[in-house]
Each structure stands twice: as structure tokens, then as C-alpha cells.
């Protein structure tokens, strides 16, 4: 099992993605897929060639999660 890392995230438009899961490209942290169902977000990212994206959950409220890479 890989050790989890806390990474510094670039600004994300949380209003645009509120309540969604984001799949982010390693290195650039570009959003490559997003949606409310994590399984679907992972499938979309994989279809685009991103087999191991960074996953970030955007809360529905102002509570923040920690992103794990």
C-alpha cells in the first residue's frame, strides 16, 4: 500500500463543482472528469487515459476535505 500524501491544491472553482467528485491529472492538477458518482468519474477519467488520477471531493457546504494522492 502506498503512503498517503497531502498535496497543495491549486484554486478550484468550488461553486462550479459543489457536491461533486473531481479526477485531477497528476502534475498539472487539471480537472479531467467530474460528477456526483465517484464510480462514473473514475470510469470517465479512465476512458480519457487517466488510469490513476488524483481524486478530490468538493463538499456541498463550506466544510473542506483533504485530498489524497
PDB file of N, CA and C in Angstrom:
ATOM      1  N   UNK A   1       0.845  -1.182   0.000  1.00  0.00           N
ATOM      2  CA  UNK A   1       0.000   0.000   0.000  1.00  0.00           C
ATOM      3  C   UNK A   1       0.887   1.241   0.000  1.00  0.00           C
ATOM      4  N   UNK A   2       0.562   2.171  -0.879  1.00  0.00           N
ATOM      5  CA  UNK A   2       1.332   3.413  -0.957  1.00  0.00           C
ATOM      6  C   UNK A   2       1.012   4.312   0.224  1.00  0.00           C
ATOM      7  N   UNK A   3       2.007   5.075   0.639  1.00  0.00           N
ATOM      8  CA  UNK A   3       1.805   6.049   1.702  1.00  0.00           C
ATOM      9  C   UNK A   3       0.985   7.218   1.153  1.00  0.00           C
ATOM     10  N   UNK A   4      -0.013   7.634   1.917  1.00  0.00           N
ATOM     11  CA  UNK A   4      -0.834   8.765   1.505  1.00  0.00           C
ATOM     12  C   UNK A   4      -0.040  10.047   1.658  1.00  0.00           C
ATOM     13  N   UNK A   5      -0.301  10.996   0.749  1.00  0.00           N
ATOM     14  CA  UNK A   5       0.388  12.278   0.788  1.00  0.00           C
ATOM     15  C   UNK A   5      -0.625  13.406   0.815  1.00  0.00           C
ATOM     16  N   UNK A   6      -0.292  14.438   1.544  1.00  0.00           N
ATOM     17  CA  UNK A   6      -1.092  15.663   1.497  1.00  0.00           C
ATOM     18  C   UNK A   6      -0.428  16.569   0.476  1.00  0.00           C
ATOM     19  N   UNK A   7      -1.208  17.024  -0.503  1.00  0.00           N
ATOM     20  CA  UNK A   7      -0.652  17.852  -1.563  1.00  0.00           C
ATOM     21  C   UNK A   7      -1.304  19.233  -1.535  1.00  0.00           C
ATOM     22  N   UNK A   8      -0.584  20.218  -2.010  1.00  0.00           N
ATOM     23  CA  UNK A   8      -1.138  21.566  -2.119  1.00  0.00           C
ATOM     24  C   UNK A   8      -1.918  21.652  -3.422  1.00  0.00           C
ATOM     25  N   UNK A   9      -3.187  21.980  -3.314  1.00  0.00           N
ATOM     26  CA  UNK A   9      -4.059  22.029  -4.479  1.00  0.00           C
ATOM     27  C   UNK A   9      -4.127  23.449  -5.034  1.00  0.00           C
ATOM     28  N   UNK A  10      -4.197  23.566  -6.351  1.00  0.00           N
ATOM     29  CA  UNK A  10      -4.423  24.884  -6.945  1.00  0.00           C
ATOM     30  C   UNK A  10      -5.864  25.299  -6.684  1.00  0.00           C
ATOM     31  N   UNK A  11      -6.181  26.567  -6.864  1.00  0.00           N
ATOM     32  CA  UNK A  11      -7.571  27.003  -6.666  1.00  0.00           C
ATOM     33  C   UNK A  11      -8.518  26.235  -7.589  1.00  0.00           C
ATOM     34  N   UNK A  12      -9.626  25.790  -7.020  1.00  0.00           N
ATOM     35  CA  UNK A  12     -10.660  25.080  -7.778  1.00  0.00           C
ATOM     36  C   UNK A  12     -11.949  25.869  -7.604  1.00  0.00           C
ATOM     37  N   UNK A  13     -12.693  26.040  -8.677  1.00  0.00           N
ATOM     38  CA  UNK A  13     -13.973  26.750  -8.626  1.00  0.00           C
ATOM     39  C   UNK A  13     -14.982  25.862  -7.909  1.00  0.00           C
ATOM     40  N   UNK A  14     -15.002  25.965  -6.577  1.00  0.00           N
ATOM     41  CA  UNK A  14     -15.859  25.082  -5.797  1.00  0.00           C
ATOM     42  C   UNK A  14     -17.340  25.350  -6.018  1.00  0.00           C
ATOM     43  N   UNK A  15     -17.696  26.536  -6.455  1.00  0.00           N
ATOM     44  CA  UNK A  15     -19.092  26.805  -6.784  1.00  0.00           C
ATOM     45  C   UNK A  15     -19.525  26.001  -7.992  1.00  0.00           C
ATOM     46  N   UNK A  16     -18.640  25.890  -8.960  1.00  0.00           N
ATOM     47  CA  UNK A  16     -18.923  25.140 -10.188  1.00  0.00           C
ATOM     48  C   UNK A  16     -19.023  23.643  -9.920  1.00  0.00           C
ATOM     49  N   UNK A  17     -18.184  23.125  -9.019  1.00  0.00           N
ATOM     50  CA  UNK A  17     -18.105  21.689  -8.773  1.00  0.00           C
ATOM     51  C   UNK A  17     -18.695  21.274  -7.426  1.00  0.00           C
ATOM     52  N   UNK A  18     -19.465  22.135  -6.794  1.00  0.00           N
ATOM     53  CA  UNK A  18     -20.018  21.864  -5.460  1.00  0.00           C
ATOM     54  C   UNK A  18     -20.747  20.518  -5.430  1.00  0.00           C
ATOM     55  N   UNK A  19     -20.365  19.683  -4.458  1.00  0.00           N
ATOM     56  CA  UNK A  19     -21.012  18.389  -4.277  1.00  0.00           C
ATOM     57  C   UNK A  19     -20.553  17.319  -5.259  1.00  0.00           C
ATOM     58  N   UNK A  20     -19.468  17.565  -5.976  1.00  0.00           N
ATOM     59  CA  UNK A  20     -19.006  16.611  -6.978  1.00  0.00           C
ATOM     60  C   UNK A  20     -17.639  16.034  -6.626  1.00  0.00           C
ATOM     61  N   UNK A  21     -17.329  14.925  -7.272  1.00  0.00           N
ATOM     62  CA  UNK A  21     -16.000  14.334  -7.234  1.00  0.00           C
ATOM     63  C   UNK A  21     -15.239  14.835  -8.446  1.00  0.00           C
ATOM     64  N   UNK A  22     -13.964  15.143  -8.251  1.00  0.00           N
ATOM     65  CA  UNK A  22     -13.108  15.580  -9.351  1.00  0.00           C
ATOM     66  C   UNK A  22     -11.990  14.564  -9.539  1.00  0.00           C
ATOM     67  N   UNK A  23     -11.683  14.261 -10.781  1.00  0.00           N
ATOM     68  CA  UNK A  23     -10.499  13.481 -11.125  1.00  0.00           C
ATOM     69  C   UNK A  23      -9.499  14.475 -11.699  1.00  0.00           C
ATOM     70  N   UNK A  24      -8.322  14.538 -11.095  1.00  0.00           N
ATOM     71  CA  UNK A  24      -7.318  15.525 -11.480  1.00  0.00           C
ATOM     72  C   UNK A  24      -6.084  14.834 -12.050  1.00  0.00           C
ATOM     73  N   UNK A  25      -5.511  15.461 -13.051  1.00  0.00           N
ATOM     74  CA  UNK A  25      -4.285  14.966 -13.654  1.00  0.00           C
ATOM     75  C   UNK A  25      -3.115  15.205 -12.693  1.00  0.00           C
ATOM     76  N   UNK A  26      -2.243  14.215 -12.563  1.00  0.00           N
ATOM     77  CA  UNK A  26      -1.031  14.391 -11.744  1.00  0.00           C
ATOM     78  C   UNK A  26      -0.170  15.483 -12.391  1.00  0.00           C
ATOM     79  N   UNK A  27       0.495  16.241 -11.574  1.00  0.00           N
ATOM     80  CA  UNK A  27       1.397  17.280 -12.080  1.00  0.00           C
ATOM     81  C   UNK A  27       0.699  18.606 -12.292  1.00  0.00           C
ATOM     82  N   UNK A  28      -0.264  18.655 -13.215  1.00  0.00           N
ATOM     83  CA  UNK A  28      -0.944  19.917 -13.518  1.00  0.00           C
ATOM     84  C   UNK A  28      -2.172  20.147 -12.647  1.00  0.00           C
ATOM     85  N   UNK A  29      -2.729  19.090 -12.094  1.00  0.00           N
ATOM     86  CA  UNK A  29      -3.970  19.121 -11.308  1.00  0.00           C
ATOM     87  C   UNK A  29      -5.157  19.622 -12.131  1.00  0.00           C
ATOM     88  N   UNK A  30      -5.096  19.446 -13.445  1.00  0.00           N
ATOM     89  CA  UNK A  30      -6.198  19.805 -14.343  1.00  0.00           C
ATOM     90  C   UNK A  30      -7.363  18.828 -14.115  1.00  0.00           C
ATOM     91  N   UNK A  31      -8.586  19.356 -14.091  1.00  0.00           N
ATOM     92  CA  UNK A  31      -9.774  18.512 -13.939  1.00  0.00           C
ATOM     93  C   UNK A  31      -9.977  17.734 -15.245  1.00  0.00           C
ATOM     94  N   UNK A  32      -9.928  16.403 -15.152  1.00  0.00           N
ATOM     95  CA  UNK A  32     -10.099  15.571 -16.347  1.00  0.00           C
ATOM     96  C   UNK A  32     -11.469  14.901 -16.387  1.00  0.00           C
ATOM     97  N   UNK A  33     -12.151  14.851 -15.233  1.00  0.00           N
ATOM     98  CA  UNK A  33     -13.512  14.309 -15.165  1.00  0.00           C
ATOM     99  C   UNK A  33     -14.139  14.799 -13.865  1.00  0.00           C
ATOM    100  N   UNK A  34     -15.464  14.907 -13.846  1.00  0.00           N
ATOM    101  CA  UNK A  34     -16.156  15.310 -12.623  1.00  0.00           C
ATOM    102  C   UNK A  34     -17.591  14.835 -12.662  1.00  0.00           C
ATOM    103  N   UNK A  35     -18.183  14.695 -11.495  1.00  0.00           N
ATOM    104  CA  UNK A  35     -19.568  14.260 -11.394  1.00  0.00           C
ATOM    105  C   UNK A  35     -19.905  13.895  -9.959  1.00  0.00           C
ATOM    106  N   UNK A  36     -21.150  13.531  -9.727  1.00  0.00           N
ATOM    107  CA  UNK A  36     -21.605  13.243  -8.367  1.00  0.00           C
ATOM    108  C   UNK A  36     -21.399  11.789  -7.956  1.00  0.00           C
ATOM    109  N   UNK A  37     -21.147  10.901  -8.920  1.00  0.00           N
ATOM    110  CA  UNK A  37     -20.945   9.480  -8.613  1.00  0.00           C
ATOM    111  C   UNK A  37     -19.484   9.132  -8.885  1.00  0.00           C
ATOM    112  N   UNK A  38     -18.766   8.802  -7.823  1.00  0.00           N
ATOM    113  CA  UNK A  38     -17.331   8.554  -7.926  1.00  0.00           C
ATOM    114  C   UNK A  38     -16.998   7.478  -8.955  1.00  0.00           C
ATOM    115  N   UNK A  39     -17.754   6.406  -8.968  1.00  0.00           N
ATOM    116  CA  UNK A  39     -17.506   5.312  -9.921  1.00  0.00           C
ATOM    117  C   UNK A  39     -17.565   5.817 -11.364  1.00  0.00           C
ATOM    118  N   UNK A  40     -18.527   6.677 -11.658  1.00  0.00           N
ATOM    119  CA  UNK A  40     -18.663   7.236 -13.014  1.00  0.00           C
ATOM    120  C   UNK A  40     -17.510   8.185 -13.344  1.00  0.00           C
ATOM    121  N   UNK A  41     -17.076   8.959 -12.358  1.00  0.00           N
ATOM    122  CA  UNK A  41     -15.956   9.883 -12.557  1.00  0.00           C
ATOM    123  C   UNK A  41     -14.690   9.090 -12.862  1.00  0.00           C
ATOM    124  N   UNK A  42     -14.464   8.022 -12.111  1.00  0.00           N
ATOM    125  CA  UNK A  42     -13.289   7.175 -12.344  1.00  0.00           C
ATOM    126  C   UNK A  42     -13.338   6.537 -13.732  1.00  0.00           C
ATOM    127  N   UNK A  43     -14.524   6.067 -14.143  1.00  0.00           N
ATOM    128  CA  UNK A  43     -14.678   5.453 -15.466  1.00  0.00           C
ATOM    129  C   UNK A  43     -14.409   6.465 -16.573  1.00  0.00           C
ATOM    130  N   UNK A  44     -14.924   7.683 -16.419  1.00  0.00           N
ATOM    131  CA  UNK A  44     -14.701   8.722 -17.426  1.00  0.00           C
ATOM    132  C   UNK A  44     -13.223   9.084 -17.538  1.00  0.00           C
ATOM    133  N   UNK A  45     -12.558   9.212 -16.382  1.00  0.00           N
ATOM    134  CA  UNK A  45     -11.126   9.515 -16.389  1.00  0.00           C
ATOM    135  C   UNK A  45     -10.350   8.399 -17.081  1.00  0.00           C
ATOM    136  N   UNK A  46     -10.704   7.158 -16.790  1.00  0.00           N
ATOM    137  CA  UNK A  46     -10.022   6.018 -17.400  1.00  0.00           C
ATOM    138  C   UNK A  46     -10.228   6.003 -18.911  1.00  0.00           C
ATOM    139  N   UNK A  47     -11.449   6.309 -19.365  1.00  0.00           N
ATOM    140  CA  UNK A  47     -11.739   6.376 -20.805  1.00  0.00           C
ATOM    141  C   UNK A  47     -10.869   7.424 -21.498  1.00  0.00           C
ATOM    142  N   UNK A  48     -10.507   8.469 -20.757  1.00  0.00           N
ATOM    143  CA  UNK A  48      -9.677   9.543 -21.310  1.00  0.00           C
ATOM    144  C   UNK A  48      -8.181   9.250 -21.164  1.00  0.00           C
ATOM    145  N   UNK A  49      -7.852   8.068 -20.621  1.00  0.00           N
ATOM    146  CA  UNK A  49      -6.450   7.671 -20.497  1.00  0.00           C
ATOM    147  C   UNK A  49      -5.807   7.987 -19.158  1.00  0.00           C
ATOM    148  N   UNK A  50      -6.589   8.404 -18.180  1.00  0.00           N
ATOM    149  CA  UNK A  50      -6.074   8.707 -16.843  1.00  0.00           C
ATOM    150  C   UNK A  50      -6.456   7.557 -15.910  1.00  0.00           C
ATOM    151  N   UNK A  51      -5.554   6.589 -15.798  1.00  0.00           N
ATOM    152  CA  UNK A  51      -5.856   5.375 -15.041  1.00  0.00           C
ATOM    153  C   UNK A  51      -5.716   5.547 -13.528  1.00  0.00           C
ATOM    154  N   UNK A  52      -4.954   6.521 -13.077  1.00  0.00           N
ATOM    155  CA  UNK A  52      -4.728   6.720 -11.649  1.00  0.00           C
ATOM    156  C   UNK A  52      -4.755   8.217 -11.312  1.00  0.00           C
ATOM    157  N   UNK A  53      -5.914   8.872 -11.520  1.00  0.00           N
ATOM    158  CA  UNK A  53      -5.976  10.310 -11.259  1.00  0.00           C
ATOM    159  C   UNK A  53      -6.001  10.603  -9.758  1.00  0.00           C
ATOM    160  N   UNK A  54      -5.714  11.843  -9.419  1.00  0.00           N
ATOM    161  CA  UNK A  54      -5.917  12.320  -8.056  1.00  0.00           C
ATOM    162  C   UNK A  54      -7.421  12.520  -7.910  1.00  0.00           C
ATOM    163  N   UNK A  55      -7.991  12.063  -6.807  1.00  0.00           N
ATOM    164  CA  UNK A  55      -9.429  12.232  -6.576  1.00  0.00           C
ATOM    165  C   UNK A  55      -9.628  13.288  -5.489  1.00  0.00           C
ATOM    166  N   UNK A  56     -10.517  14.226  -5.768  1.00  0.00           N
ATOM    167  CA  UNK A  56     -10.807  15.310  -4.827  1.00  0.00           C
ATOM    168  C   UNK A  56     -12.318  15.446  -4.711  1.00  0.00           C
ATOM    169  N   UNK A  57     -12.818  15.385  -3.488  1.00  0.00           N
ATOM    170  CA  UNK A  57     -14.242  15.588  -3.240  1.00  0.00           C
ATOM    171  C   UNK A  57     -14.509  17.025  -2.869  1.00  0.00           C
ATOM    172  N   UNK A  58     -15.408  17.682  -3.594  1.00  0.00           N
ATOM    173  CA  UNK A  58     -15.785  19.062  -3.284  1.00  0.00           C
ATOM    174  C   UNK A  58     -17.064  18.998  -2.449  1.00  0.00           C
ATOM    175  N   UNK A  59     -17.024  19.512  -1.235  1.00  0.00           N
ATOM    176  CA  UNK A  59     -18.196  19.420  -0.360  1.00  0.00           C
ATOM    177  C   UNK A  59     -19.370  20.264  -0.854  1.00  0.00           C
ATOM    178  N   UNK A  60     -20.553  19.881  -0.401  1.00  0.00           N
ATOM    179  CA  UNK A  60     -21.758  20.653  -0.731  1.00  0.00           C
ATOM    180  C   UNK A  60     -21.830  21.921   0.111  1.00  0.00           C
ATOM    181  N   UNK A  61     -21.090  21.932   1.217  1.00  0.00           N
ATOM    182  CA  UNK A  61     -21.076  23.085   2.119  1.00  0.00           C
ATOM    183  C   UNK A  61     -19.663  23.658   2.159  1.00  0.00           C
ATOM    184  N   UNK A  62     -19.401  24.549   3.077  1.00  0.00           N
ATOM    185  CA  UNK A  62     -18.082  25.162   3.192  1.00  0.00           C
ATOM    186  C   UNK A  62     -17.097  24.312   3.997  1.00  0.00           C
ATOM    187  N   UNK A  63     -17.479  23.080   4.332  1.00  0.00           N
ATOM    188  CA  UNK A  63     -16.553  22.161   5.005  1.00  0.00           C
ATOM    189  C   UNK A  63     -15.617  21.603   3.935  1.00  0.00           C
ATOM    190  N   UNK A  64     -14.318  21.494   4.240  1.00  0.00           N
ATOM    191  CA  UNK A  64     -13.355  21.033   3.251  1.00  0.00           C
ATOM    192  C   UNK A  64     -12.799  19.671   3.602  1.00  0.00           C
ATOM    193  N   UNK A  65     -12.539  18.878   2.561  1.00  0.00           N
ATOM    194  CA  UNK A  65     -11.905  17.584   2.700  1.00  0.00           C
ATOM    195  C   UNK A  65     -10.421  17.719   2.438  1.00  0.00           C
ATOM    196  N   UNK A  66      -9.685  16.714   2.827  1.00  0.00           N
ATOM    197  CA  UNK A  66      -8.273  16.631   2.481  1.00  0.00           C
ATOM    198  C   UNK A  66      -8.161  15.744   1.252  1.00  0.00           C
ATOM    199  N   UNK A  67      -7.416  16.181   0.260  1.00  0.00           N
ATOM    200  CA  UNK A  67      -7.209  15.404  -0.958  1.00  0.00           C
ATOM    201  C   UNK A  67      -6.070  14.434  -0.741  1.00  0.00           C
ATOM    202  N   UNK A  68      -6.259  13.182  -1.174  1.00  0.00           N
ATOM    203  CA  UNK A  68      -5.239  12.151  -1.036  1.00  0.00           C
ATOM    204  C   UNK A  68      -4.745  11.764  -2.399  1.00  0.00           C
ATOM    205  N   UNK A  69      -3.424  11.772  -2.558  1.00  0.00           N
ATOM    206  CA  UNK A  69      -2.824  11.417  -3.837  1.00  0.00           C
ATOM    207  C   UNK A  69      -2.239  10.045  -3.742  1.00  0.00           C
TER     208      UNK A  69
END
